Amino acid sequence: MKKTIGNPVSWSASVIGSAGRQIAHESRSIRGDPTAAIPEVRPIAISDLRDALRRGVADLATFRSDVLFLALVYPIIGLLLARMAFRLDLVHLIFPMVSGFALLGPIAAVVLYQMSRRRELGLSTR
C-alpha cells in the first residue's frame, strides 16, 4: 500500500479506525479466554482516602520546589496572558489563548505523576 500524506480529516479517520480495530481485537481475545481474570471492584474506605492524602503530602515534602513552581507559575502565567490580551486590545484572542494554555495543565500533571511514580519505585527523580 502506498503511503501518502493525507489531510487532517482522513488521517483522523484512519487513526480512529485502527484504534477501533485494536479494541475489537482485544475484546475478542479477552472474551474468548475463559481463564481471563475479571477485575475485583473494591469499595473505597476513609482509610484509603487518608492514605492517599498522606502519600500526597509526602510527595509534596519531597518535591517541594518542583510542585510549588508548577502550582504557582502556571496560574501566574495564565493571569499574565489575560492581562496582556486586555492591555493590547486583543480581547478576541482570549478564548484561543485560554484554550491553548489549558492544554498545558495535563502535561504538567503528567510530569508530577511521573515524579511520584519514580519515587514510589525507589528510582532517582533527578
C-alpha atoms as a PDB file:
ATOM      1  CA  MET A   1       0.000   0.000   0.000  1.00  0.00           C
ATOM      2  CA  LYS A   2       1.353   3.392  -0.993  1.00  0.00           C
ATOM      3  CA  LYS A   3       1.681   5.854   1.898  1.00  0.00           C
ATOM      4  CA  THR A   4       0.825   9.462   1.206  1.00  0.00           C
ATOM      5  CA  ILE A   5       0.337  12.495   3.341  1.00  0.00           C
ATOM      6  CA  GLY A   6      -3.376  12.946   3.875  1.00  0.00           C
ATOM      7  CA  ASN A   7      -5.432  15.802   5.143  1.00  0.00           C
ATOM      8  CA  PRO A   8      -6.260  16.001   8.869  1.00  0.00           C
ATOM      9  CA  VAL A   9      -9.764  14.582   8.382  1.00  0.00           C
ATOM     10  CA  SER A  10      -8.588  11.462   6.529  1.00  0.00           C
ATOM     11  CA  TRP A  11      -5.708  10.981   8.980  1.00  0.00           C
ATOM     12  CA  SER A  12      -8.103  11.236  11.966  1.00  0.00           C
ATOM     13  CA  ALA A  13     -10.496   8.744  10.387  1.00  0.00           C
ATOM     14  CA  SER A  14      -7.629   6.336   9.753  1.00  0.00           C
ATOM     15  CA  VAL A  15      -6.318   6.578  13.303  1.00  0.00           C
ATOM     16  CA  ILE A  16      -9.774   6.175  14.845  1.00  0.00           C
ATOM     17  CA  GLY A  17     -10.465   3.182  12.598  1.00  0.00           C
ATOM     18  CA  SER A  18      -7.215   1.448  13.553  1.00  0.00           C
ATOM     19  CA  ALA A  19      -7.885   2.127  17.251  1.00  0.00           C
ATOM     20  CA  GLY A  20     -11.369   0.637  16.889  1.00  0.00           C
ATOM     21  CA  ARG A  21      -9.966  -2.473  15.212  1.00  0.00           C
ATOM     22  CA  GLN A  22      -7.401  -2.857  18.006  1.00  0.00           C
ATOM     23  CA  ILE A  23     -10.071  -2.547  20.725  1.00  0.00           C
ATOM     24  CA  ALA A  24     -12.297  -5.064  18.943  1.00  0.00           C
ATOM     25  CA  HIS A  25      -9.381  -7.497  18.648  1.00  0.00           C
ATOM     26  CA  GLU A  26      -8.501  -7.158  22.339  1.00  0.00           C
ATOM     27  CA  SER A  27     -12.111  -7.591  23.488  1.00  0.00           C
ATOM     28  CA  ARG A  28     -12.481 -10.734  21.334  1.00  0.00           C
ATOM     29  CA  SER A  29      -9.300 -12.219  22.775  1.00  0.00           C
ATOM     30  CA  ILE A  30     -10.408 -11.497  26.359  1.00  0.00           C
ATOM     31  CA  ARG A  31     -13.921 -12.872  25.827  1.00  0.00           C
ATOM     32  CA  GLY A  32     -12.531 -15.961  24.126  1.00  0.00           C
ATOM     33  CA  ASP A  33     -10.226 -16.768  27.074  1.00  0.00           C
ATOM     34  CA  PRO A  34     -12.166 -18.434  29.914  1.00  0.00           C
ATOM     35  CA  THR A  35      -9.165 -18.046  32.243  1.00  0.00           C
ATOM     36  CA  ALA A  36      -9.078 -14.251  31.907  1.00  0.00           C
ATOM     37  CA  ALA A  37      -9.460 -12.761  35.361  1.00  0.00           C
ATOM     38  CA  ILE A  38     -12.302 -10.357  35.997  1.00  0.00           C
ATOM     39  CA  PRO A  39     -11.021  -7.357  37.930  1.00  0.00           C
ATOM     40  CA  GLU A  40     -12.177  -7.101  41.510  1.00  0.00           C
ATOM     41  CA  VAL A  41     -14.050  -3.919  42.400  1.00  0.00           C
ATOM     42  CA  ARG A  42     -13.271  -2.850  45.939  1.00  0.00           C
ATOM     43  CA  PRO A  43     -15.081  -0.128  47.873  1.00  0.00           C
ATOM     44  CA  ILE A  44     -13.142   2.957  48.915  1.00  0.00           C
ATOM     45  CA  ALA A  45     -12.923   3.452  52.655  1.00  0.00           C
ATOM     46  CA  ILE A  46     -11.945   6.519  54.697  1.00  0.00           C
ATOM     47  CA  SER A  47      -8.608   4.839  55.458  1.00  0.00           C
ATOM     48  CA  ASP A  48      -7.883   4.735  51.698  1.00  0.00           C
ATOM     49  CA  LEU A  49      -8.504   8.460  51.429  1.00  0.00           C
ATOM     50  CA  ARG A  50      -6.258   9.147  54.423  1.00  0.00           C
ATOM     51  CA  ASP A  51      -3.528   7.001  52.888  1.00  0.00           C
ATOM     52  CA  ALA A  52      -3.785   8.867  49.563  1.00  0.00           C
ATOM     53  CA  LEU A  53      -3.577  12.237  51.331  1.00  0.00           C
ATOM     54  CA  ARG A  54      -0.627  11.059  53.438  1.00  0.00           C
ATOM     55  CA  ARG A  55       1.240   9.934  50.309  1.00  0.00           C
ATOM     56  CA  GLY A  56       0.422  13.199  48.549  1.00  0.00           C
ATOM     57  CA  VAL A  57       1.791  15.247  51.429  1.00  0.00           C
ATOM     58  CA  ALA A  58       4.915  13.055  51.464  1.00  0.00           C
ATOM     59  CA  ASP A  59       5.393  13.719  47.728  1.00  0.00           C
ATOM     60  CA  LEU A  60       4.912  17.442  48.297  1.00  0.00           C
ATOM     61  CA  ALA A  61       7.529  17.381  51.053  1.00  0.00           C
ATOM     62  CA  THR A  62       9.968  15.508  48.809  1.00  0.00           C
ATOM     63  CA  PHE A  63       9.399  17.537  45.622  1.00  0.00           C
ATOM     64  CA  ARG A  64       8.554  20.829  47.305  1.00  0.00           C
ATOM     65  CA  SER A  65      10.309  23.141  44.859  1.00  0.00           C
ATOM     66  CA  ASP A  66       9.071  21.360  41.708  1.00  0.00           C
ATOM     67  CA  VAL A  67       5.447  21.148  42.811  1.00  0.00           C
ATOM     68  CA  LEU A  68       5.302  24.687  44.145  1.00  0.00           C
ATOM     69  CA  PHE A  69       6.938  26.002  40.980  1.00  0.00           C
ATOM     70  CA  LEU A  70       4.255  24.380  38.820  1.00  0.00           C
ATOM     71  CA  ALA A  71       1.416  25.259  41.187  1.00  0.00           C
ATOM     72  CA  LEU A  72       2.420  28.934  41.403  1.00  0.00           C
ATOM     73  CA  VAL A  73       3.836  29.660  37.970  1.00  0.00           C
ATOM     74  CA  TYR A  74       1.023  28.048  35.958  1.00  0.00           C
ATOM     75  CA  PRO A  75      -1.777  30.350  37.256  1.00  0.00           C
ATOM     76  CA  ILE A  76       0.501  33.390  37.191  1.00  0.00           C
ATOM     77  CA  ILE A  77       1.268  32.818  33.507  1.00  0.00           C
ATOM     78  CA  GLY A  78      -2.464  32.472  32.816  1.00  0.00           C
ATOM     79  CA  LEU A  79      -3.195  35.772  34.547  1.00  0.00           C
ATOM     80  CA  LEU A  80      -0.364  37.489  32.662  1.00  0.00           C
ATOM     81  CA  LEU A  81      -1.743  36.223  29.342  1.00  0.00           C
ATOM     82  CA  ALA A  82      -5.209  37.576  30.178  1.00  0.00           C
ATOM     83  CA  ARG A  83      -3.801  40.930  31.275  1.00  0.00           C
ATOM     84  CA  MET A  84      -1.715  41.187  28.115  1.00  0.00           C
ATOM     85  CA  ALA A  85      -4.790  40.435  25.972  1.00  0.00           C
ATOM     86  CA  PHE A  86      -6.810  43.197  27.631  1.00  0.00           C
ATOM     87  CA  ARG A  87      -3.953  45.703  27.618  1.00  0.00           C
ATOM     88  CA  LEU A  88      -3.107  45.183  23.926  1.00  0.00           C
ATOM     89  CA  ASP A  89      -6.793  45.195  22.923  1.00  0.00           C
ATOM     90  CA  LEU A  90      -6.692  41.543  21.875  1.00  0.00           C
ATOM     91  CA  VAL A  91      -9.883  40.509  23.653  1.00  0.00           C
ATOM     92  CA  HIS A  92     -10.933  38.451  20.635  1.00  0.00           C
ATOM     93  CA  LEU A  93      -7.895  36.208  21.244  1.00  0.00           C
ATOM     94  CA  ILE A  94      -8.675  35.401  24.887  1.00  0.00           C
ATOM     95  CA  PHE A  95     -10.643  32.233  24.134  1.00  0.00           C
ATOM     96  CA  PRO A  96      -7.961  30.718  21.855  1.00  0.00           C
ATOM     97  CA  MET A  97      -5.236  31.646  24.352  1.00  0.00           C
ATOM     98  CA  VAL A  98      -7.139  30.149  27.284  1.00  0.00           C
ATOM     99  CA  SER A  99      -7.923  27.009  25.292  1.00  0.00           C
ATOM    100  CA  GLY A 100      -4.317  26.511  24.271  1.00  0.00           C
ATOM    101  CA  PHE A 101      -2.996  27.346  27.715  1.00  0.00           C
ATOM    102  CA  ALA A 102      -5.403  24.855  29.325  1.00  0.00           C
ATOM    103  CA  LEU A 103      -3.713  22.089  27.337  1.00  0.00           C
ATOM    104  CA  LEU A 104      -0.504  22.670  29.301  1.00  0.00           C
ATOM    105  CA  GLY A 105      -2.133  21.662  32.612  1.00  0.00           C
ATOM    106  CA  PRO A 106      -2.337  17.939  31.821  1.00  0.00           C
ATOM    107  CA  ILE A 107       1.281  17.993  30.623  1.00  0.00           C
ATOM    108  CA  ALA A 108       2.353  19.466  33.961  1.00  0.00           C
ATOM    109  CA  ALA A 109       0.256  16.828  35.734  1.00  0.00           C
ATOM    110  CA  VAL A 110       1.968  14.019  33.805  1.00  0.00           C
ATOM    111  CA  VAL A 111       5.333  15.346  34.971  1.00  0.00           C
ATOM    112  CA  LEU A 112       4.159  15.297  38.583  1.00  0.00           C
ATOM    113  CA  TYR A 113       2.655  11.804  38.194  1.00  0.00           C
ATOM    114  CA  GLN A 114       5.933  10.514  36.736  1.00  0.00           C
ATOM    115  CA  MET A 115       7.937  12.005  39.607  1.00  0.00           C
ATOM    116  CA  SER A 116       5.572  10.389  42.090  1.00  0.00           C
ATOM    117  CA  ARG A 117       5.744   7.021  40.312  1.00  0.00           C
ATOM    118  CA  ARG A 118       9.545   7.051  40.224  1.00  0.00           C
ATOM    119  CA  ARG A 119       9.688   7.955  43.918  1.00  0.00           C
ATOM    120  CA  GLU A 120       7.301   5.090  44.729  1.00  0.00           C
ATOM    121  CA  LEU A 121       9.524   2.634  42.822  1.00  0.00           C
ATOM    122  CA  GLY A 122      12.644   3.925  44.579  1.00  0.00           C
ATOM    123  CA  LEU A 123      14.177   5.333  41.376  1.00  0.00           C
ATOM    124  CA  SER A 124      16.058   8.598  41.007  1.00  0.00           C
ATOM    125  CA  THR A 125      13.927  11.623  40.214  1.00  0.00           C
ATOM    126  CA  ARG A 126      16.742  13.936  39.175  1.00  0.00           C
END
